[in-house]
Amino acid sequence: KIPGLREKGISRTTIHELLVAPRQGTINSVRYRGFIQARVPGKNNTLRKQHASVHFAFAQVSYVMELSAMFEKECCVISCDDRNKVNVGSLAVSRYHQIGKFFPLSDQRQYL
């Protein structure tokens, strides 16, 4: 909520139309004026925590790949990632949750 909008007769829609358009290339971007250099950010959860032994893990993977290249007839390396479709706990960013706040263009939120 923005304090003082109701007293001045300014709606929340008016404030959002003074911001920068969320997507510049759309037809709907004509409604936005861009007087305030801020926008409502998109949902983003790309911030990752750095594990304490990440260097050891990368070195171990490199070592296994090097050994499998040396002994390719005796080795079979199968690589898996952590982007599988198994739900563990709740999702970091709900697709139903709408962000109503706006931030300067250089300051966008990261959700964990």
C-alpha atoms as a PDB file:
ATOM      1  CA  LYS A   1       0.000   0.000   0.000  1.00  0.00           C
ATOM      2  CA  ILE A   2       1.114   3.511  -0.768  1.00  0.00           C
ATOM      3  CA  PRO A   3       0.084   5.922   1.986  1.00  0.00           C
ATOM      4  CA  GLY A   4      -1.734   9.115   0.979  1.00  0.00           C
ATOM      5  CA  LEU A   5      -3.086   7.969  -2.402  1.00  0.00           C
ATOM      6  CA  ARG A   6      -6.734   7.901  -1.368  1.00  0.00           C
ATOM      7  CA  GLU A   7      -6.557  11.391   0.131  1.00  0.00           C
ATOM      8  CA  LYS A   8      -5.119  12.848  -3.091  1.00  0.00           C
ATOM      9  CA  GLY A   9      -7.557  10.960  -5.307  1.00  0.00           C
ATOM     10  CA  ILE A  10      -4.837   8.935  -7.074  1.00  0.00           C
ATOM     11  CA  SER A  11      -5.573   5.292  -7.773  1.00  0.00           C
ATOM     12  CA  ARG A  12      -3.075   2.471  -7.744  1.00  0.00           C
ATOM     13  CA  THR A  13      -3.699   1.928 -11.469  1.00  0.00           C
ATOM     14  CA  THR A  14      -2.631   5.504 -12.186  1.00  0.00           C
ATOM     15  CA  ILE A  15       0.643   4.987 -10.318  1.00  0.00           C
ATOM     16  CA  HIS A  16       1.333   1.771 -12.233  1.00  0.00           C
ATOM     17  CA  GLU A  17       0.720   3.525 -15.557  1.00  0.00           C
ATOM     18  CA  LEU A  18       3.388   6.104 -14.666  1.00  0.00           C
ATOM     19  CA  LEU A  19       5.973   3.315 -14.299  1.00  0.00           C
ATOM     20  CA  VAL A  20       8.076   1.707 -17.036  1.00  0.00           C
ATOM     21  CA  ALA A  21       6.160  -0.940 -19.012  1.00  0.00           C
ATOM     22  CA  PRO A  22       6.721  -4.517 -17.797  1.00  0.00           C
ATOM     23  CA  ARG A  23       7.359  -5.711 -21.379  1.00  0.00           C
ATOM     24  CA  GLN A  24       8.387  -3.093 -23.920  1.00  0.00           C
ATOM     25  CA  GLY A  25       7.469  -5.005 -27.076  1.00  0.00           C
ATOM     26  CA  THR A  26       3.774  -5.586 -26.345  1.00  0.00           C
ATOM     27  CA  ILE A  27       0.697  -3.660 -27.463  1.00  0.00           C
ATOM     28  CA  ASN A  28      -0.211  -3.075 -23.825  1.00  0.00           C
ATOM     29  CA  SER A  29       3.025  -1.103 -23.247  1.00  0.00           C
ATOM     30  CA  VAL A  30       1.386   1.966 -24.870  1.00  0.00           C
ATOM     31  CA  ARG A  31      -0.582   2.490 -21.621  1.00  0.00           C
ATOM     32  CA  TYR A  32       2.619   3.051 -19.609  1.00  0.00           C
ATOM     33  CA  ARG A  33       4.301   6.467 -19.599  1.00  0.00           C
ATOM     34  CA  GLY A  34       7.717   5.691 -18.070  1.00  0.00           C
ATOM     35  CA  PHE A  35       7.939   8.864 -15.952  1.00  0.00           C
ATOM     36  CA  ILE A  36       8.982   6.832 -12.885  1.00  0.00           C
ATOM     37  CA  GLN A  37      12.025   4.617 -13.578  1.00  0.00           C
ATOM     38  CA  ALA A  38      10.599   1.603 -11.732  1.00  0.00           C
ATOM     39  CA  ARG A  39       8.503  -1.446 -12.565  1.00  0.00           C
ATOM     40  CA  VAL A  40       6.719  -4.362 -10.959  1.00  0.00           C
ATOM     41  CA  PRO A  41       9.286  -7.171 -11.162  1.00  0.00           C
ATOM     42  CA  GLY A  42       8.636 -10.597 -12.554  1.00  0.00           C
ATOM     43  CA  LYS A  43       8.878 -13.648 -10.349  1.00  0.00           C
ATOM     44  CA  ASN A  44      12.454 -14.794 -10.026  1.00  0.00           C
ATOM     45  CA  ASN A  45      14.095 -17.429  -7.854  1.00  0.00           C
ATOM     46  CA  THR A  46      17.459 -17.817  -9.552  1.00  0.00           C
ATOM     47  CA  LEU A  47      19.505 -16.826  -6.496  1.00  0.00           C
ATOM     48  CA  ARG A  48      21.418 -19.863  -5.269  1.00  0.00           C
ATOM     49  CA  LYS A  49      23.167 -20.414  -1.971  1.00  0.00           C
ATOM     50  CA  GLN A  50      26.852 -21.288  -2.219  1.00  0.00           C
ATOM     51  CA  HIS A  51      27.661 -24.602  -0.557  1.00  0.00           C
ATOM     52  CA  ALA A  52      30.803 -24.835   1.596  1.00  0.00           C
ATOM     53  CA  SER A  53      32.335 -27.707  -0.390  1.00  0.00           C
ATOM     54  CA  VAL A  54      31.339 -26.628  -3.898  1.00  0.00           C
ATOM     55  CA  HIS A  55      34.983 -26.526  -5.049  1.00  0.00           C
ATOM     56  CA  PHE A  56      35.506 -30.133  -3.899  1.00  0.00           C
ATOM     57  CA  ALA A  57      32.380 -31.273  -5.751  1.00  0.00           C
ATOM     58  CA  PHE A  58      33.444 -29.597  -9.014  1.00  0.00           C
ATOM     59  CA  ALA A  59      36.962 -31.022  -8.701  1.00  0.00           C
ATOM     60  CA  GLN A  60      35.569 -34.498  -8.077  1.00  0.00           C
ATOM     61  CA  VAL A  61      33.328 -34.322 -11.162  1.00  0.00           C
ATOM     62  CA  SER A  62      36.270 -33.120 -13.281  1.00  0.00           C
ATOM     63  CA  TYR A  63      38.405 -35.974 -11.968  1.00  0.00           C
ATOM     64  CA  VAL A  64      35.718 -38.575 -12.767  1.00  0.00           C
ATOM     65  CA  MET A  65      35.261 -37.168 -16.285  1.00  0.00           C
ATOM     66  CA  GLU A  66      39.013 -37.245 -16.880  1.00  0.00           C
ATOM     67  CA  LEU A  67      39.283 -40.850 -15.677  1.00  0.00           C
ATOM     68  CA  SER A  68      36.333 -41.924 -17.805  1.00  0.00           C
ATOM     69  CA  ALA A  69      38.008 -40.357 -20.849  1.00  0.00           C
ATOM     70  CA  MET A  70      41.217 -42.279 -20.110  1.00  0.00           C
ATOM     71  CA  PHE A  71      39.415 -45.613 -19.559  1.00  0.00           C
ATOM     72  CA  GLU A  72      36.467 -45.201 -21.905  1.00  0.00           C
ATOM     73  CA  LYS A  73      36.032 -48.933 -22.561  1.00  0.00           C
ATOM     74  CA  GLU A  74      35.773 -49.773 -18.857  1.00  0.00           C
ATOM     75  CA  CYS A  75      33.739 -46.750 -17.683  1.00  0.00           C
ATOM     76  CA  CYS A  76      30.243 -45.481 -18.208  1.00  0.00           C
ATOM     77  CA  VAL A  77      29.524 -42.031 -16.787  1.00  0.00           C
ATOM     78  CA  ILE A  78      25.909 -40.998 -16.293  1.00  0.00           C
ATOM     79  CA  SER A  79      25.278 -37.364 -15.451  1.00  0.00           C
ATOM     80  CA  CYS A  80      22.147 -36.175 -13.636  1.00  0.00           C
ATOM     81  CA  ASP A  81      21.070 -32.725 -12.573  1.00  0.00           C
ATOM     82  CA  ASP A  82      18.879 -31.338  -9.811  1.00  0.00           C
ATOM     83  CA  ARG A  83      16.195 -29.976 -12.158  1.00  0.00           C
ATOM     84  CA  ASN A  84      13.951 -33.021 -12.031  1.00  0.00           C
ATOM     85  CA  LYS A  85      10.187 -32.937 -11.527  1.00  0.00           C
ATOM     86  CA  VAL A  86      10.078 -34.368  -7.998  1.00  0.00           C
ATOM     87  CA  ASN A  87       8.279 -31.994  -5.623  1.00  0.00           C
ATOM     88  CA  VAL A  88      10.044 -31.721  -2.289  1.00  0.00           C
ATOM     89  CA  GLY A  89       8.393 -29.289   0.100  1.00  0.00           C
ATOM     90  CA  SER A  90       6.715 -26.125  -1.109  1.00  0.00           C
ATOM     91  CA  LEU A  91       7.692 -24.214  -4.221  1.00  0.00           C
ATOM     92  CA  ALA A  92       9.899 -21.163  -3.798  1.00  0.00           C
ATOM     93  CA  VAL A  93       7.672 -18.881  -5.889  1.00  0.00           C
ATOM     94  CA  SER A  94       3.993 -19.604  -6.283  1.00  0.00           C
ATOM     95  CA  ARG A  95       2.599 -18.921  -9.726  1.00  0.00           C
ATOM     96  CA  TYR A  96      -0.643 -17.773  -8.115  1.00  0.00           C
ATOM     97  CA  HIS A  97       1.026 -15.123  -5.935  1.00  0.00           C
ATOM     98  CA  GLN A  98       0.930 -11.675  -7.532  1.00  0.00           C
ATOM     99  CA  ILE A  99       3.613  -9.113  -6.732  1.00  0.00           C
ATOM    100  CA  GLY A 100       1.955  -5.745  -6.162  1.00  0.00           C
ATOM    101  CA  LYS A 101       5.006  -3.701  -5.141  1.00  0.00           C
ATOM    102  CA  PHE A 102       7.248  -1.861  -7.542  1.00  0.00           C
ATOM    103  CA  PHE A 103      11.006  -1.379  -7.361  1.00  0.00           C
ATOM    104  CA  PRO A 104      13.639   0.690  -9.196  1.00  0.00           C
ATOM    105  CA  LEU A 105      14.877  -0.872 -12.427  1.00  0.00           C
ATOM    106  CA  SER A 106      18.236  -1.916 -10.941  1.00  0.00           C
ATOM    107  CA  ASP A 107      16.709  -3.416  -7.750  1.00  0.00           C
ATOM    108  CA  GLN A 108      14.699  -6.552  -8.450  1.00  0.00           C
ATOM    109  CA  ARG A 109      13.826  -9.060  -5.764  1.00  0.00           C
ATOM    110  CA  GLN A 110      15.258 -12.568  -5.534  1.00  0.00           C
ATOM    111  CA  TYR A 111      13.036 -15.137  -3.824  1.00  0.00           C
ATOM    112  CA  LEU A 112      14.375 -18.210  -2.045  1.00  0.00           C
END
